Amino acid sequence: MNDIPSGKNTHDSQADGAPASSAPAAAQGAAPAAPAETARFAVSIDWSGDASGCGSARVAGEIFTIPIGGAKELGGCGKGANPEELLLAAVGACFAATWGIFLKKLGVDHPDPTLRLTSELGKDPQGGFRMTRLTIYARVPGALLASQRPAVEKTLALAEKYCIISKVAKAAMPLDVVLEEMGP
């Protein structure tokens, strides 16, 4: 997993596809890792009952357990995170991390980016339901927007372009990124 260029422990983030620094590894403080061709992830799910049942998801190498259940609005148990919320959380976590990379890379002083995500569920013409829209609200202080709006907008455009999970969601439904101004 350390082979995936994230910019976390390097001076050069590769999230934007820029070439790696030509500085010798010793000058960077560590030997560069070769990019991974494939990264694999796994989650284990335990479930009891039918659609109204509940269960748990084991993540992070089965270290953490997340209680899960169907949404009450859809006839589920309403206990734990429902699949719709888990999808929003996955998109949000990826987008926040990617946005953080570009905020830092472009020198925008917003070290603790926050998001709010919403989705709409509608009838699927082929039966059942489907998510019909996902919106990411990027929450930015008004003072920062007043002084650096173009830079903030650029970081959001880059995050939208490079966030792995939001690209998957966008292939399935309309996805909007909206600036949401917060207090000072």
C-alpha atoms as a PDB file:
ATOM      1  CA  MET A   1       0.000   0.000   0.000  1.00  0.00           C
ATOM      2  CA  ASN A   2       2.907   2.360   0.504  1.00  0.00           C
ATOM      3  CA  ASP A   3       3.475   2.273  -3.237  1.00  0.00           C
ATOM      4  CA  ILE A   4       0.459   4.482  -4.005  1.00  0.00           C
ATOM      5  CA  PRO A   5       1.655   8.079  -4.487  1.00  0.00           C
ATOM      6  CA  SER A   6      -0.377  10.213  -2.106  1.00  0.00           C
ATOM      7  CA  GLY A   7       2.024  12.981  -1.318  1.00  0.00           C
ATOM      8  CA  LYS A   8       1.683  12.152   2.407  1.00  0.00           C
ATOM      9  CA  ASN A   9       5.353  11.479   3.133  1.00  0.00           C
ATOM     10  CA  THR A  10       6.940  13.136   0.139  1.00  0.00           C
ATOM     11  CA  HIS A  11       7.587  16.644  -1.034  1.00  0.00           C
ATOM     12  CA  ASP A  12       5.880  15.996  -4.366  1.00  0.00           C
ATOM     13  CA  SER A  13       2.269  14.838  -4.582  1.00  0.00           C
ATOM     14  CA  GLN A  14       1.577  12.664  -7.608  1.00  0.00           C
ATOM     15  CA  ALA A  15      -2.199  13.027  -7.308  1.00  0.00           C
ATOM     16  CA  ASP A  16      -2.236  15.480 -10.194  1.00  0.00           C
ATOM     17  CA  GLY A  17      -0.158  13.277 -12.486  1.00  0.00           C
ATOM     18  CA  ALA A  18       2.883  15.547 -12.300  1.00  0.00           C
ATOM     19  CA  PRO A  19       6.206  13.807 -12.796  1.00  0.00           C
ATOM     20  CA  ALA A  20       8.098  12.775  -9.697  1.00  0.00           C
ATOM     21  CA  SER A  21      10.827  15.065  -8.462  1.00  0.00           C
ATOM     22  CA  SER A  22      14.187  14.527 -10.104  1.00  0.00           C
ATOM     23  CA  ALA A  23      15.956  15.142  -6.793  1.00  0.00           C
ATOM     24  CA  PRO A  24      17.947  12.147  -5.553  1.00  0.00           C
ATOM     25  CA  ALA A  25      16.148   9.931  -3.048  1.00  0.00           C
ATOM     26  CA  ALA A  26      18.616  10.845  -0.316  1.00  0.00           C
ATOM     27  CA  ALA A  27      17.763  14.524  -0.801  1.00  0.00           C
ATOM     28  CA  GLN A  28      14.074  13.716  -0.369  1.00  0.00           C
ATOM     29  CA  GLY A  29      14.721  11.872   2.881  1.00  0.00           C
ATOM     30  CA  ALA A  30      13.664   8.375   1.748  1.00  0.00           C
ATOM     31  CA  ALA A  31      13.939   5.999  -1.137  1.00  0.00           C
ATOM     32  CA  PRO A  32      11.131   6.545  -3.630  1.00  0.00           C
ATOM     33  CA  ALA A  33       8.592   3.757  -3.875  1.00  0.00           C
ATOM     34  CA  ALA A  34       7.571   2.414  -7.258  1.00  0.00           C
ATOM     35  CA  PRO A  35       3.927   3.140  -8.100  1.00  0.00           C
ATOM     36  CA  ALA A  36       1.628   0.192  -7.548  1.00  0.00           C
ATOM     37  CA  GLU A  37       0.031  -1.334 -10.617  1.00  0.00           C
ATOM     38  CA  THR A  38      -2.896  -2.542  -8.532  1.00  0.00           C
ATOM     39  CA  ALA A  39      -4.100  -1.873  -5.014  1.00  0.00           C
ATOM     40  CA  ARG A  40      -6.605  -4.249  -3.450  1.00  0.00           C
ATOM     41  CA  PHE A  41      -9.062  -3.576  -0.658  1.00  0.00           C
ATOM     42  CA  ALA A  42     -11.426  -5.877   1.202  1.00  0.00           C
ATOM     43  CA  VAL A  43     -14.380  -5.532   3.577  1.00  0.00           C
ATOM     44  CA  SER A  44     -16.168  -8.341   5.414  1.00  0.00           C
ATOM     45  CA  ILE A  45     -19.948  -8.188   5.912  1.00  0.00           C
ATOM     46  CA  ASP A  46     -22.013 -10.146   8.416  1.00  0.00           C
ATOM     47  CA  TRP A  47     -25.807  -9.931   8.051  1.00  0.00           C
ATOM     48  CA  SER A  48     -28.784 -11.345   9.883  1.00  0.00           C
ATOM     49  CA  GLY A  49     -32.216 -11.507   8.280  1.00  0.00           C
ATOM     50  CA  ASP A  50     -33.640 -10.180   5.053  1.00  0.00           C
ATOM     51  CA  ALA A  51     -33.806  -6.544   3.878  1.00  0.00           C
ATOM     52  CA  SER A  52     -35.109  -5.518   7.299  1.00  0.00           C
ATOM     53  CA  GLY A  53     -32.149  -7.162   9.039  1.00  0.00           C
ATOM     54  CA  CYS A  54     -28.932  -5.674  10.370  1.00  0.00           C
ATOM     55  CA  GLY A  55     -25.289  -6.543  10.428  1.00  0.00           C
ATOM     56  CA  SER A  56     -21.771  -5.225  10.529  1.00  0.00           C
ATOM     57  CA  ALA A  57     -18.983  -4.319   8.155  1.00  0.00           C
ATOM     58  CA  ARG A  58     -15.412  -5.027   9.170  1.00  0.00           C
ATOM     59  CA  VAL A  59     -12.942  -2.617   7.564  1.00  0.00           C
ATOM     60  CA  ALA A  60      -9.280  -1.581   7.771  1.00  0.00           C
ATOM     61  CA  GLY A  61      -7.956  -5.115   7.725  1.00  0.00           C
ATOM     62  CA  GLU A  62     -10.919  -6.174   9.858  1.00  0.00           C
ATOM     63  CA  ILE A  63      -9.724  -3.958  12.726  1.00  0.00           C
ATOM     64  CA  PHE A  64     -12.802  -1.691  12.822  1.00  0.00           C
ATOM     65  CA  THR A  65     -16.450  -2.734  12.845  1.00  0.00           C
ATOM     66  CA  ILE A  66     -19.216  -0.519  11.502  1.00  0.00           C
ATOM     67  CA  PRO A  67     -22.805  -1.395  12.425  1.00  0.00           C
ATOM     68  CA  ILE A  68     -24.919  -1.497   9.245  1.00  0.00           C
ATOM     69  CA  GLY A  69     -28.574  -1.861   8.391  1.00  0.00           C
ATOM     70  CA  GLY A  70     -31.094  -0.883   5.785  1.00  0.00           C
ATOM     71  CA  ALA A  71     -32.589   2.601   5.872  1.00  0.00           C
ATOM     72  CA  LYS A  72     -35.885   2.802   7.787  1.00  0.00           C
ATOM     73  CA  GLU A  73     -37.291   4.805   4.853  1.00  0.00           C
ATOM     74  CA  LEU A  74     -36.792   1.702   2.700  1.00  0.00           C
ATOM     75  CA  GLY A  75     -38.111  -0.848   5.200  1.00  0.00           C
ATOM     76  CA  GLY A  76     -34.771  -1.578   6.872  1.00  0.00           C
ATOM     77  CA  CYS A  77     -33.952  -1.921  10.559  1.00  0.00           C
ATOM     78  CA  GLY A  78     -32.626   1.651  10.756  1.00  0.00           C
ATOM     79  CA  LYS A  79     -29.739   0.606  13.003  1.00  0.00           C
ATOM     80  CA  GLY A  80     -26.231   1.541  11.975  1.00  0.00           C
ATOM     81  CA  ALA A  81     -25.119   3.108   8.725  1.00  0.00           C
ATOM     82  CA  ASN A  82     -27.237   2.266   5.711  1.00  0.00           C
ATOM     83  CA  PRO A  83     -25.735   1.519   2.286  1.00  0.00           C
ATOM     84  CA  GLU A  84     -26.703   4.946   0.952  1.00  0.00           C
ATOM     85  CA  GLU A  85     -24.877   6.662   3.825  1.00  0.00           C
ATOM     86  CA  LEU A  86     -21.869   4.386   3.373  1.00  0.00           C
ATOM     87  CA  LEU A  87     -21.637   5.393  -0.280  1.00  0.00           C
ATOM     88  CA  LEU A  88     -21.795   9.079   0.692  1.00  0.00           C
ATOM     89  CA  ALA A  89     -19.128   8.478   3.348  1.00  0.00           C
ATOM     90  CA  ALA A  90     -16.855   6.736   0.832  1.00  0.00           C
ATOM     91  CA  VAL A  91     -17.222   9.562  -1.685  1.00  0.00           C
ATOM     92  CA  GLY A  92     -16.749  12.150   1.069  1.00  0.00           C
ATOM     93  CA  ALA A  93     -13.656  10.538   2.569  1.00  0.00           C
ATOM     94  CA  CYS A  94     -11.968  10.241  -0.818  1.00  0.00           C
ATOM     95  CA  PHE A  95     -12.950  13.757  -1.881  1.00  0.00           C
ATOM     96  CA  ALA A  96     -11.809  15.325   1.422  1.00  0.00           C
ATOM     97  CA  ALA A  97      -8.415  13.617   1.241  1.00  0.00           C
ATOM     98  CA  THR A  98      -7.945  14.575  -2.417  1.00  0.00           C
ATOM     99  CA  TRP A  99      -9.084  18.141  -1.781  1.00  0.00           C
ATOM    100  CA  GLY A 100      -6.646  18.345   1.151  1.00  0.00           C
ATOM    101  CA  ILE A 101      -3.795  17.364  -1.168  1.00  0.00           C
ATOM    102  CA  PHE A 102      -4.580  20.198  -3.564  1.00  0.00           C
ATOM    103  CA  LEU A 103      -5.270  22.780  -0.861  1.00  0.00           C
ATOM    104  CA  LYS A 104      -1.779  22.123   0.466  1.00  0.00           C
ATOM    105  CA  LYS A 105      -0.145  21.855  -2.962  1.00  0.00           C
ATOM    106  CA  LEU A 106      -1.629  25.179  -4.136  1.00  0.00           C
ATOM    107  CA  GLY A 107      -0.921  26.914  -0.817  1.00  0.00           C
ATOM    108  CA  VAL A 108      -4.535  27.586   0.140  1.00  0.00           C
ATOM    109  CA  ASP A 109      -4.757  28.057   3.918  1.00  0.00           C
ATOM    110  CA  HIS A 110      -7.654  25.697   4.699  1.00  0.00           C
ATOM    111  CA  PRO A 111      -6.011  22.891   6.732  1.00  0.00           C
ATOM    112  CA  ASP A 112      -9.266  21.327   7.946  1.00  0.00           C
ATOM    113  CA  PRO A 113     -11.577  21.007   4.931  1.00  0.00           C
ATOM    114  CA  THR A 114     -15.108  19.885   5.668  1.00  0.00           C
ATOM    115  CA  LEU A 115     -17.819  18.549   3.422  1.00  0.00           C
ATOM    116  CA  ARG A 116     -21.518  17.879   3.534  1.00  0.00           C
ATOM    117  CA  LEU A 117     -22.922  15.310   1.095  1.00  0.00           C
ATOM    118  CA  THR A 118     -26.486  14.619   0.054  1.00  0.00           C
ATOM    119  CA  SER A 119     -28.077  12.183  -2.341  1.00  0.00           C
ATOM    120  CA  GLU A 120     -31.444  11.650  -3.942  1.00  0.00           C
ATOM    121  CA  LEU A 121     -33.067   8.269  -4.310  1.00  0.00           C
ATOM    122  CA  GLY A 122     -35.666   7.637  -6.973  1.00  0.00           C
ATOM    123  CA  LYS A 123     -37.472   4.842  -8.755  1.00  0.00           C
ATOM    124  CA  ASP A 124     -35.338   2.783 -11.106  1.00  0.00           C
ATOM    125  CA  PRO A 125     -37.111   2.235 -14.443  1.00  0.00           C
ATOM    126  CA  GLN A 126     -35.827  -1.347 -14.330  1.00  0.00           C
ATOM    127  CA  GLY A 127     -37.373  -1.921 -10.889  1.00  0.00           C
ATOM    128  CA  GLY A 128     -36.651  -0.916  -7.341  1.00  0.00           C
ATOM    129  CA  PHE A 129     -34.742   2.249  -6.512  1.00  0.00           C
ATOM    130  CA  ARG A 130     -31.518   3.922  -7.530  1.00  0.00           C
ATOM    131  CA  MET A 131     -29.495   6.952  -6.519  1.00  0.00           C
ATOM    132  CA  THR A 132     -30.322   9.664  -9.001  1.00  0.00           C
ATOM    133  CA  ARG A 133     -28.009  12.471  -7.823  1.00  0.00           C
ATOM    134  CA  LEU A 134     -25.142  13.105  -5.428  1.00  0.00           C
ATOM    135  CA  THR A 135     -24.054  16.559  -4.261  1.00  0.00           C
ATOM    136  CA  ILE A 136     -20.824  17.405  -2.456  1.00  0.00           C
ATOM    137  CA  TYR A 137     -20.973  20.687  -0.547  1.00  0.00           C
ATOM    138  CA  ALA A 138     -17.451  21.981   0.076  1.00  0.00           C
ATOM    139  CA  ARG A 139     -17.679  24.100   3.206  1.00  0.00           C
ATOM    140  CA  VAL A 140     -15.337  27.082   3.057  1.00  0.00           C
ATOM    141  CA  PRO A 141     -15.053  30.070   5.425  1.00  0.00           C
ATOM    142  CA  GLY A 142     -16.365  33.314   3.883  1.00  0.00           C
ATOM    143  CA  ALA A 143     -13.119  35.155   4.624  1.00  0.00           C
ATOM    144  CA  LEU A 144     -11.131  32.558   2.665  1.00  0.00           C
ATOM    145  CA  LEU A 145     -13.543  32.763  -0.252  1.00  0.00           C
ATOM    146  CA  ALA A 146     -13.296  36.558  -0.225  1.00  0.00           C
ATOM    147  CA  SER A 147      -9.503  36.452  -0.442  1.00  0.00           C
ATOM    148  CA  GLN A 148      -8.808  33.286  -2.485  1.00  0.00           C
ATOM    149  CA  ARG A 149     -11.970  32.212  -4.354  1.00  0.00           C
ATOM    150  CA  PRO A 150     -10.193  31.352  -7.664  1.00  0.00           C
ATOM    151  CA  ALA A 151      -7.603  29.225  -5.846  1.00  0.00           C
ATOM    152  CA  VAL A 152     -10.289  27.455  -3.784  1.00  0.00           C
ATOM    153  CA  GLU A 153     -12.301  26.766  -6.944  1.00  0.00           C
ATOM    154  CA  LYS A 154      -9.188  25.361  -8.641  1.00  0.00           C
ATOM    155  CA  THR A 155      -8.515  22.993  -5.712  1.00  0.00           C
ATOM    156  CA  LEU A 156     -12.097  21.745  -5.908  1.00  0.00           C
ATOM    157  CA  ALA A 157     -11.878  21.205  -9.664  1.00  0.00           C
ATOM    158  CA  LEU A 158      -8.678  19.200  -9.186  1.00  0.00           C
ATOM    159  CA  ALA A 159     -10.221  17.173  -6.346  1.00  0.00           C
ATOM    160  CA  GLU A 160     -13.217  16.394  -8.555  1.00  0.00           C
ATOM    161  CA  LYS A 161     -10.902  15.350 -11.384  1.00  0.00           C
ATOM    162  CA  TYR A 162      -8.675  13.065  -9.291  1.00  0.00           C
ATOM    163  CA  CYS A 163     -10.877  11.649  -6.492  1.00  0.00           C
ATOM    164  CA  ILE A 164     -11.129   7.942  -7.302  1.00  0.00           C
ATOM    165  CA  ILE A 165     -14.457   7.243  -5.602  1.00  0.00           C
ATOM    166  CA  SER A 166     -16.301  10.339  -6.814  1.00  0.00           C
ATOM    167  CA  LYS A 167     -15.309   9.382 -10.381  1.00  0.00           C
ATOM    168  CA  VAL A 168     -17.007   6.005  -9.853  1.00  0.00           C
ATOM    169  CA  ALA A 169     -20.137   7.686  -8.477  1.00  0.00           C
ATOM    170  CA  LYS A 170     -20.147  10.247 -11.315  1.00  0.00           C
ATOM    171  CA  ALA A 171     -20.161   7.418 -13.856  1.00  0.00           C
ATOM    172  CA  ALA A 172     -23.424   6.183 -12.324  1.00  0.00           C
ATOM    173  CA  MET A 173     -25.309   9.438 -11.694  1.00  0.00           C
ATOM    174  CA  PRO A 174     -25.037  13.212 -11.845  1.00  0.00           C
ATOM    175  CA  LEU A 175     -22.564  14.478  -9.253  1.00  0.00           C
ATOM    176  CA  ASP A 176     -22.260  18.167  -8.363  1.00  0.00           C
ATOM    177  CA  VAL A 177     -19.629  19.950  -6.292  1.00  0.00           C
ATOM    178  CA  VAL A 178     -20.979  23.117  -4.679  1.00  0.00           C
ATOM    179  CA  LEU A 179     -19.140  25.742  -2.655  1.00  0.00           C
ATOM    180  CA  GLU A 180     -20.931  26.286   0.649  1.00  0.00           C
ATOM    181  CA  GLU A 181     -19.848  29.444   2.437  1.00  0.00           C
ATOM    182  CA  MET A 182     -19.515  29.136   6.204  1.00  0.00           C
ATOM    183  CA  GLY A 183     -19.209  31.895   8.788  1.00  0.00           C
ATOM    184  CA  PRO A 184     -16.013  33.960   8.984  1.00  0.00           C
END
